[in-house]
Amino acid sequence: MKIGLLSDTHSHWDKRLDHYLSDCDEIWHAGDIGSLLVTDAIEALKPQKIRVVFGNIDDHQIRAEFKEDLHWTIDGVRFFMTHIGGRPGRYAKGIRSKLIKHKPNVFICGHSHLLLLKRDESWGGLYINPGACGIYGFHQKRTLLTFEIFNGQLQDMKVVELGDRIKREDN
């Protein structure tokens, strides 16, 4: 099963995402969607399933459509996704207790706009933040991830760079 993982689009859909995500069986978005036009664009790719959590910039319409946290299992791999998760050694308030309670193999979050994949022995799983693929924020490069789930393992993890974010002029 091929997965496309993105976060922090902030209402921006880069048409190149169609190419990078078109062969994905599932597409996951770790929050700060910004506009339902983004999830419409994901659905237009016709993946078997989309998994989306809302982020802190998302309005009441997006919050009505999607949840804050998602938990699911694929091929024996337990996933937990939320938007504001912090990072290993500095998790957001309440996240460590959720990791201990739910015992995911993989914890996915967004919010920081910083790409990071790291095993965290403090709770025994893999931390993934795909970075930000939108054009707004403080990140330098726009990124997303693709990978496969096969025989209970994440394989063929690829970072896709979409280029630089928009730099605002100093006034």
N, C-alpha and C. Protein backbone atom coordinates (compact mmCIF):
# COMPACT_ATOMS: atom_id res chain seq x y z
N MET A 1 0.85 -1.18 0.00
CA MET A 1 0.00 0.00 0.00
C MET A 1 0.89 1.24 0.00
N LYS A 2 0.68 2.12 -0.96
CA LYS A 2 1.47 3.35 -1.04
C LYS A 2 0.72 4.50 -0.37
N ILE A 3 1.47 5.27 0.45
CA ILE A 3 0.92 6.37 1.23
C ILE A 3 1.57 7.68 0.80
N GLY A 4 0.77 8.73 0.68
CA GLY A 4 1.26 10.09 0.53
C GLY A 4 0.92 10.84 1.81
N LEU A 5 1.91 11.50 2.41
CA LEU A 5 1.72 12.20 3.69
C LEU A 5 2.14 13.65 3.54
N LEU A 6 1.21 14.55 3.83
CA LEU A 6 1.50 15.97 3.76
C LEU A 6 0.91 16.70 4.95
N SER A 7 1.33 17.94 5.12
CA SER A 7 0.83 18.76 6.22
C SER A 7 1.01 20.23 5.86
N ASP A 8 0.31 21.06 6.60
CA ASP A 8 0.50 22.51 6.55
C ASP A 8 0.45 23.07 5.13
N THR A 9 -0.65 22.77 4.44
CA THR A 9 -0.86 23.33 3.10
C THR A 9 -1.31 24.79 3.19
N HIS A 10 -1.96 25.17 4.26
CA HIS A 10 -2.41 26.55 4.46
C HIS A 10 -3.14 27.08 3.22
N SER A 11 -4.08 26.31 2.71
CA SER A 11 -4.96 26.66 1.58
C SER A 11 -4.29 26.54 0.21
N HIS A 12 -3.03 26.15 0.15
CA HIS A 12 -2.32 26.11 -1.13
C HIS A 12 -2.23 24.67 -1.64
N TRP A 13 -2.66 24.46 -2.90
CA TRP A 13 -2.50 23.16 -3.55
C TRP A 13 -1.60 23.35 -4.75
N ASP A 14 -0.39 22.83 -4.65
CA ASP A 14 0.57 22.87 -5.75
C ASP A 14 0.15 21.78 -6.75
N LYS A 15 -0.05 22.13 -8.00
CA LYS A 15 -0.51 21.16 -9.01
C LYS A 15 0.47 19.99 -9.16
N ARG A 16 1.73 20.17 -8.79
CA ARG A 16 2.68 19.06 -8.85
C ARG A 16 2.32 17.96 -7.85
N LEU A 17 1.52 18.29 -6.84
CA LEU A 17 1.07 17.27 -5.89
C LEU A 17 0.25 16.20 -6.60
N ASP A 18 -0.48 16.59 -7.65
CA ASP A 18 -1.24 15.62 -8.42
C ASP A 18 -0.32 14.51 -8.93
N HIS A 19 0.83 14.90 -9.43
CA HIS A 19 1.80 13.92 -9.94
C HIS A 19 2.36 13.04 -8.82
N TYR A 20 2.79 13.66 -7.73
CA TYR A 20 3.44 12.90 -6.65
C TYR A 20 2.48 12.01 -5.88
N LEU A 21 1.20 12.36 -5.87
CA LEU A 21 0.23 11.62 -5.06
C LEU A 21 -0.73 10.75 -5.88
N SER A 22 -0.69 10.85 -7.20
CA SER A 22 -1.69 10.18 -8.03
C SER A 22 -1.67 8.66 -7.92
N ASP A 23 -0.53 8.06 -7.60
CA ASP A 23 -0.47 6.60 -7.49
C ASP A 23 -0.55 6.11 -6.04
N CYS A 24 -0.93 7.00 -5.13
CA CYS A 24 -1.04 6.61 -3.71
C CYS A 24 -2.39 5.93 -3.45
N ASP A 25 -2.33 4.86 -2.67
CA ASP A 25 -3.55 4.18 -2.27
C ASP A 25 -4.30 4.99 -1.22
N GLU A 26 -3.54 5.62 -0.33
CA GLU A 26 -4.12 6.50 0.69
C GLU A 26 -3.31 7.78 0.74
N ILE A 27 -4.01 8.89 1.05
CA ILE A 27 -3.35 10.18 1.23
C ILE A 27 -3.75 10.70 2.60
N TRP A 28 -2.73 11.08 3.38
CA TRP A 28 -2.94 11.55 4.74
C TRP A 28 -2.49 13.00 4.85
N HIS A 29 -3.28 13.80 5.58
CA HIS A 29 -2.96 15.22 5.79
C HIS A 29 -2.94 15.48 7.29
N ALA A 30 -1.80 15.96 7.80
CA ALA A 30 -1.63 16.16 9.25
C ALA A 30 -1.97 17.57 9.71
N GLY A 31 -2.95 18.20 9.09
CA GLY A 31 -3.52 19.43 9.62
C GLY A 31 -2.98 20.73 9.04
N ASP A 32 -3.66 21.83 9.41
CA ASP A 32 -3.50 23.15 8.82
C ASP A 32 -3.77 23.06 7.32
N ILE A 33 -4.97 22.59 7.03
CA ILE A 33 -5.45 22.42 5.67
C ILE A 33 -5.68 23.80 5.05
N GLY A 34 -6.39 24.64 5.77
CA GLY A 34 -6.62 26.01 5.34
C GLY A 34 -7.89 26.22 4.53
N SER A 35 -8.23 25.27 3.68
CA SER A 35 -9.42 25.38 2.83
C SER A 35 -9.87 23.98 2.43
N LEU A 36 -11.18 23.80 2.37
CA LEU A 36 -11.71 22.52 1.91
C LEU A 36 -11.38 22.26 0.44
N LEU A 37 -10.94 23.28 -0.28
CA LEU A 37 -10.49 23.07 -1.66
C LEU A 37 -9.28 22.14 -1.69
N VAL A 38 -8.48 22.17 -0.63
CA VAL A 38 -7.33 21.26 -0.55
C VAL A 38 -7.80 19.82 -0.43
N THR A 39 -8.73 19.55 0.45
CA THR A 39 -9.21 18.17 0.59
C THR A 39 -10.03 17.76 -0.64
N ASP A 40 -10.68 18.71 -1.30
CA ASP A 40 -11.35 18.40 -2.57
C ASP A 40 -10.32 17.96 -3.61
N ALA A 41 -9.18 18.63 -3.65
CA ALA A 41 -8.12 18.27 -4.60
C ALA A 41 -7.57 16.87 -4.29
N ILE A 42 -7.45 16.57 -2.99
CA ILE A 42 -7.00 15.23 -2.60
C ILE A 42 -8.02 14.19 -3.06
N GLU A 43 -9.30 14.44 -2.79
CA GLU A 43 -10.35 13.49 -3.17
C GLU A 43 -10.43 13.31 -4.69
N ALA A 44 -10.11 14.37 -5.44
CA ALA A 44 -10.15 14.29 -6.91
C ALA A 44 -9.11 13.30 -7.45
N LEU A 45 -8.08 13.01 -6.66
CA LEU A 45 -7.07 12.03 -7.06
C LEU A 45 -7.59 10.60 -6.90
N LYS A 46 -8.73 10.47 -6.25
CA LYS A 46 -9.42 9.19 -6.05
C LYS A 46 -8.59 8.12 -5.34
N PRO A 47 -7.96 8.50 -4.21
CA PRO A 47 -7.30 7.44 -3.44
C PRO A 47 -8.36 6.54 -2.81
N GLN A 48 -7.95 5.36 -2.39
CA GLN A 48 -8.89 4.46 -1.73
C GLN A 48 -9.41 5.09 -0.45
N LYS A 49 -8.57 5.87 0.22
CA LYS A 49 -8.98 6.48 1.49
C LYS A 49 -8.13 7.73 1.72
N ILE A 50 -8.75 8.74 2.37
CA ILE A 50 -7.98 9.86 2.88
C ILE A 50 -8.15 9.89 4.39
N ARG A 51 -7.08 10.29 5.05
CA ARG A 51 -7.10 10.44 6.51
C ARG A 51 -6.59 11.84 6.80
N VAL A 52 -7.42 12.64 7.49
CA VAL A 52 -7.13 14.05 7.68
C VAL A 52 -7.46 14.45 9.11
N VAL A 53 -6.58 15.24 9.72
CA VAL A 53 -6.88 15.87 11.01
C VAL A 53 -6.87 17.38 10.80
N PHE A 54 -7.63 18.09 11.62
CA PHE A 54 -7.62 19.55 11.50
C PHE A 54 -6.44 20.11 12.30
N GLY A 55 -6.05 21.33 11.91
CA GLY A 55 -4.96 22.03 12.60
C GLY A 55 -5.44 23.31 13.24
N ASN A 56 -4.52 24.01 13.85
CA ASN A 56 -4.87 25.21 14.61
C ASN A 56 -5.36 26.36 13.74
N ILE A 57 -5.02 26.40 12.45
CA ILE A 57 -5.53 27.50 11.59
C ILE A 57 -6.86 27.16 10.94
N ASP A 58 -7.31 25.93 11.09
CA ASP A 58 -8.50 25.48 10.37
C ASP A 58 -9.78 26.00 11.02
N ASP A 59 -10.71 26.43 10.17
CA ASP A 59 -11.95 27.05 10.62
C ASP A 59 -12.99 26.02 11.04
N HIS A 60 -14.17 26.53 11.42
CA HIS A 60 -15.23 25.67 11.93
C HIS A 60 -15.72 24.66 10.90
N GLN A 61 -15.69 25.01 9.61
CA GLN A 61 -16.13 24.06 8.58
C GLN A 61 -15.19 22.86 8.51
N ILE A 62 -13.91 23.12 8.53
CA ILE A 62 -12.92 22.04 8.48
C ILE A 62 -12.99 21.21 9.77
N ARG A 63 -13.16 21.88 10.90
CA ARG A 63 -13.25 21.17 12.18
C ARG A 63 -14.51 20.31 12.27
N ALA A 64 -15.56 20.72 11.57
CA ALA A 64 -16.78 19.92 11.55
C ALA A 64 -16.61 18.68 10.67
N GLU A 65 -15.73 18.76 9.69
CA GLU A 65 -15.53 17.68 8.74
C GLU A 65 -14.51 16.63 9.21
N PHE A 66 -13.48 17.10 9.96
CA PHE A 66 -12.38 16.23 10.35
C PHE A 66 -12.15 16.27 11.85
N LYS A 67 -11.44 15.27 12.37
CA LYS A 67 -11.17 15.16 13.80
C LYS A 67 -9.82 15.75 14.16
N GLU A 68 -9.63 15.96 15.46
CA GLU A 68 -8.35 16.46 15.97
C GLU A 68 -7.29 15.35 16.01
N ASP A 69 -7.70 14.16 16.36
CA ASP A 69 -6.81 13.00 16.47
C ASP A 69 -7.39 11.84 15.67
N LEU A 70 -6.52 11.06 15.06
CA LEU A 70 -6.94 9.82 14.40
C LEU A 70 -6.04 8.68 14.87
N HIS A 71 -6.66 7.51 15.04
CA HIS A 71 -5.95 6.28 15.39
C HIS A 71 -6.44 5.20 14.44
N TRP A 72 -5.52 4.46 13.82
CA TRP A 72 -5.91 3.38 12.92
C TRP A 72 -4.76 2.39 12.80
N THR A 73 -5.08 1.24 12.24
CA THR A 73 -4.09 0.17 12.04
C THR A 73 -4.15 -0.30 10.59
N ILE A 74 -2.98 -0.46 9.99
CA ILE A 74 -2.86 -1.02 8.64
C ILE A 74 -1.79 -2.10 8.70
N ASP A 75 -2.15 -3.30 8.29
CA ASP A 75 -1.19 -4.41 8.20
C ASP A 75 -0.42 -4.59 9.51
N GLY A 76 -1.13 -4.41 10.63
CA GLY A 76 -0.52 -4.60 11.94
C GLY A 76 0.24 -3.40 12.48
N VAL A 77 0.37 -2.33 11.70
CA VAL A 77 1.08 -1.11 12.13
C VAL A 77 0.04 -0.14 12.69
N ARG A 78 0.23 0.26 13.96
CA ARG A 78 -0.68 1.19 14.63
C ARG A 78 -0.20 2.64 14.42
N PHE A 79 -1.11 3.49 13.95
CA PHE A 79 -0.81 4.89 13.67
C PHE A 79 -1.62 5.79 14.59
N PHE A 80 -1.02 6.94 14.93
CA PHE A 80 -1.69 8.01 15.66
C PHE A 80 -1.28 9.31 14.97
N MET A 81 -2.28 10.11 14.55
CA MET A 81 -1.99 11.37 13.88
C MET A 81 -2.77 12.50 14.53
N THR A 82 -2.08 13.60 14.77
CA THR A 82 -2.67 14.83 15.27
C THR A 82 -1.86 15.98 14.68
N HIS A 83 -2.33 17.20 14.79
CA HIS A 83 -1.58 18.31 14.19
C HIS A 83 -0.46 18.80 15.10
N ILE A 84 -0.81 19.24 16.28
CA ILE A 84 0.20 19.80 17.19
C ILE A 84 0.72 18.69 18.09
N GLY A 85 1.91 18.22 17.77
CA GLY A 85 2.47 17.10 18.52
C GLY A 85 3.80 17.39 19.18
N GLY A 86 4.43 18.48 18.80
CA GLY A 86 5.78 18.74 19.30
C GLY A 86 6.77 17.84 18.58
N ARG A 87 7.82 17.45 19.30
CA ARG A 87 8.84 16.58 18.71
C ARG A 87 9.49 15.76 19.82
N PRO A 88 10.22 14.73 19.46
CA PRO A 88 10.87 13.92 20.50
C PRO A 88 11.70 14.79 21.45
N GLY A 89 11.48 14.55 22.73
CA GLY A 89 12.14 15.35 23.76
C GLY A 89 11.38 16.60 24.13
N ARG A 90 10.45 17.04 23.29
CA ARG A 90 9.66 18.26 23.55
C ARG A 90 8.26 18.11 22.99
N TYR A 91 7.54 17.08 23.44
CA TYR A 91 6.18 16.87 22.96
C TYR A 91 5.24 17.93 23.50
N ALA A 92 4.20 18.23 22.73
CA ALA A 92 3.17 19.18 23.16
C ALA A 92 2.42 18.60 24.36
N LYS A 93 1.77 19.48 25.10
CA LYS A 93 1.05 19.08 26.29
C LYS A 93 0.03 17.97 25.97
N GLY A 94 0.08 16.91 26.75
CA GLY A 94 -0.86 15.81 26.62
C GLY A 94 -0.47 14.74 25.61
N ILE A 95 0.51 15.01 24.77
CA ILE A 95 0.88 14.05 23.72
C ILE A 95 1.57 12.82 24.30
N ARG A 96 2.51 13.01 25.20
CA ARG A 96 3.22 11.86 25.76
C ARG A 96 2.24 10.87 26.39
N SER A 97 1.24 11.36 27.11
CA SER A 97 0.27 10.45 27.75
C SER A 97 -0.56 9.73 26.68
N LYS A 98 -0.87 10.39 25.56
CA LYS A 98 -1.59 9.71 24.48
C LYS A 98 -0.72 8.65 23.82
N LEU A 99 0.58 8.93 23.68
CA LEU A 99 1.49 7.94 23.10
C LEU A 99 1.58 6.71 24.00
N ILE A 100 1.65 6.93 25.30
CA ILE A 100 1.72 5.82 26.26
C ILE A 100 0.41 5.03 26.24
N LYS A 101 -0.71 5.74 26.21
CA LYS A 101 -2.03 5.10 26.25
C LYS A 101 -2.30 4.28 24.99
N HIS A 102 -2.06 4.87 23.82
CA HIS A 102 -2.44 4.22 22.56
C HIS A 102 -1.35 3.34 21.96
N LYS A 103 -0.12 3.52 22.40
CA LYS A 103 1.01 2.71 21.96
C LYS A 103 1.10 2.55 20.44
N PRO A 104 1.14 3.67 19.70
CA PRO A 104 1.26 3.54 18.25
C PRO A 104 2.67 3.08 17.87
N ASN A 105 2.77 2.47 16.71
CA ASN A 105 4.09 2.20 16.15
C ASN A 105 4.63 3.45 15.47
N VAL A 106 3.69 4.28 14.97
CA VAL A 106 4.06 5.49 14.24
C VAL A 106 3.19 6.65 14.73
N PHE A 107 3.85 7.74 15.11
CA PHE A 107 3.17 8.97 15.51
C PHE A 107 3.45 10.03 14.44
N ILE A 108 2.37 10.62 13.91
CA ILE A 108 2.47 11.61 12.84
C ILE A 108 1.88 12.93 13.32
N CYS A 109 2.60 14.01 13.07
CA CYS A 109 2.07 15.34 13.36
C CYS A 109 2.62 16.33 12.35
N GLY A 110 2.12 17.54 12.40
CA GLY A 110 2.57 18.63 11.55
C GLY A 110 2.95 19.80 12.43
N HIS A 111 2.47 20.98 12.09
CA HIS A 111 2.55 22.21 12.86
C HIS A 111 3.91 22.90 12.85
N SER A 112 5.00 22.18 13.05
CA SER A 112 6.31 22.84 13.15
C SER A 112 6.85 23.29 11.80
N HIS A 113 6.30 22.75 10.71
CA HIS A 113 6.79 23.00 9.35
C HIS A 113 8.17 22.42 9.12
N LEU A 114 8.66 21.59 10.04
CA LEU A 114 10.01 21.04 9.95
C LEU A 114 9.95 19.54 9.73
N LEU A 115 10.50 19.09 8.63
CA LEU A 115 10.57 17.67 8.30
C LEU A 115 11.44 16.95 9.33
N LEU A 116 10.90 15.87 9.91
CA LEU A 116 11.69 15.08 10.86
C LEU A 116 11.12 13.67 10.94
N LEU A 117 12.00 12.70 10.80
CA LEU A 117 11.68 11.29 11.02
C LEU A 117 12.68 10.80 12.04
N LYS A 118 12.17 10.24 13.14
CA LYS A 118 13.08 9.85 14.21
C LYS A 118 12.45 8.77 15.07
N ARG A 119 13.21 7.74 15.35
CA ARG A 119 12.75 6.73 16.30
C ARG A 119 12.87 7.34 17.70
N ASP A 120 11.84 7.15 18.51
CA ASP A 120 11.85 7.68 19.88
C ASP A 120 11.66 6.52 20.85
N GLU A 121 12.75 6.14 21.47
CA GLU A 121 12.71 5.01 22.41
C GLU A 121 11.92 5.32 23.67
N SER A 122 11.64 6.61 23.95
CA SER A 122 10.90 6.95 25.17
C SER A 122 9.49 6.37 25.16
N TRP A 123 8.92 6.14 23.99
CA TRP A 123 7.61 5.48 23.90
C TRP A 123 7.64 4.31 22.92
N GLY A 124 8.77 4.12 22.23
CA GLY A 124 8.97 2.92 21.44
C GLY A 124 8.48 2.94 20.02
N GLY A 125 8.36 4.12 19.41
CA GLY A 125 7.85 4.18 18.05
C GLY A 125 8.60 5.16 17.17
N LEU A 126 8.07 5.34 15.96
CA LEU A 126 8.64 6.23 14.97
C LEU A 126 7.85 7.53 14.94
N TYR A 127 8.55 8.64 15.06
CA TYR A 127 7.97 9.98 14.97
C TYR A 127 8.14 10.46 13.52
N ILE A 128 7.04 10.96 12.93
CA ILE A 128 7.12 11.50 11.57
C ILE A 128 6.42 12.86 11.50
N ASN A 129 7.14 13.84 10.99
CA ASN A 129 6.55 15.12 10.62
C ASN A 129 6.97 15.36 9.17
N PRO A 130 6.02 15.44 8.23
CA PRO A 130 6.37 15.57 6.83
C PRO A 130 6.83 16.97 6.42
N GLY A 131 6.90 17.90 7.37
CA GLY A 131 7.21 19.28 7.02
C GLY A 131 5.98 19.96 6.47
N ALA A 132 6.16 21.05 5.76
CA ALA A 132 5.04 21.81 5.21
C ALA A 132 5.13 21.84 3.69
N CYS A 133 4.00 21.59 3.03
CA CYS A 133 4.03 21.68 1.57
C CYS A 133 3.31 22.93 1.07
N GLY A 134 2.84 23.77 1.97
CA GLY A 134 2.25 25.04 1.58
C GLY A 134 3.31 26.10 1.35
N ILE A 135 2.88 27.25 0.88
CA ILE A 135 3.83 28.32 0.54
C ILE A 135 3.96 29.36 1.64
N TYR A 136 3.18 29.24 2.71
CA TYR A 136 3.24 30.22 3.79
C TYR A 136 3.81 29.58 5.04
N GLY A 137 4.61 30.35 5.77
CA GLY A 137 5.20 29.87 7.00
C GLY A 137 6.67 30.22 7.06
N PHE A 138 7.36 29.64 8.01
CA PHE A 138 8.77 29.99 8.23
C PHE A 138 9.72 28.92 7.72
N HIS A 139 9.20 27.83 7.15
CA HIS A 139 10.05 26.78 6.61
C HIS A 139 10.78 27.29 5.36
N GLN A 140 11.91 26.67 5.05
CA GLN A 140 12.68 27.05 3.87
C GLN A 140 12.25 26.26 2.63
N LYS A 141 12.08 24.95 2.80
CA LYS A 141 11.71 24.07 1.68
C LYS A 141 10.32 23.50 1.93
N ARG A 142 9.57 23.32 0.86
CA ARG A 142 8.25 22.69 0.94
C ARG A 142 8.43 21.20 0.71
N THR A 143 7.92 20.39 1.65
CA THR A 143 8.15 18.95 1.59
C THR A 143 6.89 18.15 1.87
N LEU A 144 6.92 16.91 1.42
CA LEU A 144 5.94 15.89 1.77
C LEU A 144 6.67 14.56 1.72
N LEU A 145 6.02 13.50 2.17
CA LEU A 145 6.61 12.17 2.18
C LEU A 145 5.73 11.19 1.43
N THR A 146 6.38 10.21 0.83
CA THR A 146 5.67 9.03 0.33
C THR A 146 6.38 7.81 0.88
N PHE A 147 5.62 6.76 1.12
CA PHE A 147 6.20 5.50 1.60
C PHE A 147 5.22 4.38 1.33
N GLU A 148 5.69 3.17 1.57
CA GLU A 148 4.83 2.00 1.40
C GLU A 148 4.72 1.25 2.72
N ILE A 149 3.58 0.62 2.91
CA ILE A 149 3.38 -0.29 4.04
C ILE A 149 3.29 -1.68 3.44
N PHE A 150 4.22 -2.53 3.83
CA PHE A 150 4.28 -3.88 3.28
C PHE A 150 4.73 -4.85 4.36
N ASN A 151 3.94 -5.89 4.57
CA ASN A 151 4.25 -6.90 5.60
C ASN A 151 4.54 -6.27 6.97
N GLY A 152 3.73 -5.29 7.35
CA GLY A 152 3.86 -4.68 8.67
C GLY A 152 5.06 -3.76 8.83
N GLN A 153 5.62 -3.30 7.73
CA GLN A 153 6.79 -2.43 7.77
C GLN A 153 6.57 -1.20 6.89
N LEU A 154 7.13 -0.06 7.30
CA LEU A 154 7.18 1.11 6.44
C LEU A 154 8.44 0.98 5.59
N GLN A 155 8.26 1.11 4.28
CA GLN A 155 9.37 0.91 3.35
C GLN A 155 9.38 2.01 2.30
N ASP A 156 10.53 2.13 1.64
CA ASP A 156 10.69 3.03 0.49
C ASP A 156 10.26 4.46 0.83
N MET A 157 10.68 4.95 2.00
CA MET A 157 10.35 6.31 2.44
C MET A 157 11.08 7.31 1.55
N LYS A 158 10.32 8.24 0.97
CA LYS A 158 10.90 9.25 0.09
C LYS A 158 10.45 10.63 0.52
N VAL A 159 11.41 11.55 0.55
CA VAL A 159 11.10 12.96 0.78
C VAL A 159 10.95 13.61 -0.59
N VAL A 160 9.84 14.30 -0.78
CA VAL A 160 9.60 15.05 -2.02
C VAL A 160 9.75 16.52 -1.68
N GLU A 161 10.65 17.20 -2.39
CA GLU A 161 10.83 18.65 -2.22
C GLU A 161 10.11 19.36 -3.35
N LEU A 162 9.27 20.33 -2.98
CA LEU A 162 8.52 21.11 -3.96
C LEU A 162 9.16 22.47 -4.22
N GLY A 163 10.30 22.73 -3.61
CA GLY A 163 10.97 24.02 -3.81
C GLY A 163 10.83 24.90 -2.59
N ASP A 164 11.24 26.15 -2.75
CA ASP A 164 11.23 27.12 -1.66
C ASP A 164 9.81 27.63 -1.40
N ARG A 165 9.59 28.02 -0.17
CA ARG A 165 8.32 28.67 0.15
C ARG A 165 8.39 30.10 -0.38
N ILE A 166 7.28 30.81 -0.33
CA ILE A 166 7.26 32.22 -0.74
C ILE A 166 8.00 33.03 0.31
N LYS A 167 8.90 33.86 -0.13
CA LYS A 167 9.60 34.76 0.79
C LYS A 167 8.92 36.11 0.71
N ARG A 168 8.55 36.62 1.85
CA ARG A 168 7.88 37.94 1.87
C ARG A 168 8.91 39.06 1.90
N GLU A 169 8.60 40.10 1.19
CA GLU A 169 9.51 41.24 1.13
C GLU A 169 9.49 42.00 2.45
N ASP A 170 10.65 42.41 2.91
CA ASP A 170 10.72 43.26 4.11
C ASP A 170 10.35 44.69 3.72
N ASN A 171 9.49 45.30 4.49
CA ASN A 171 9.07 46.69 4.19
C ASN A 171 9.67 47.64 5.18
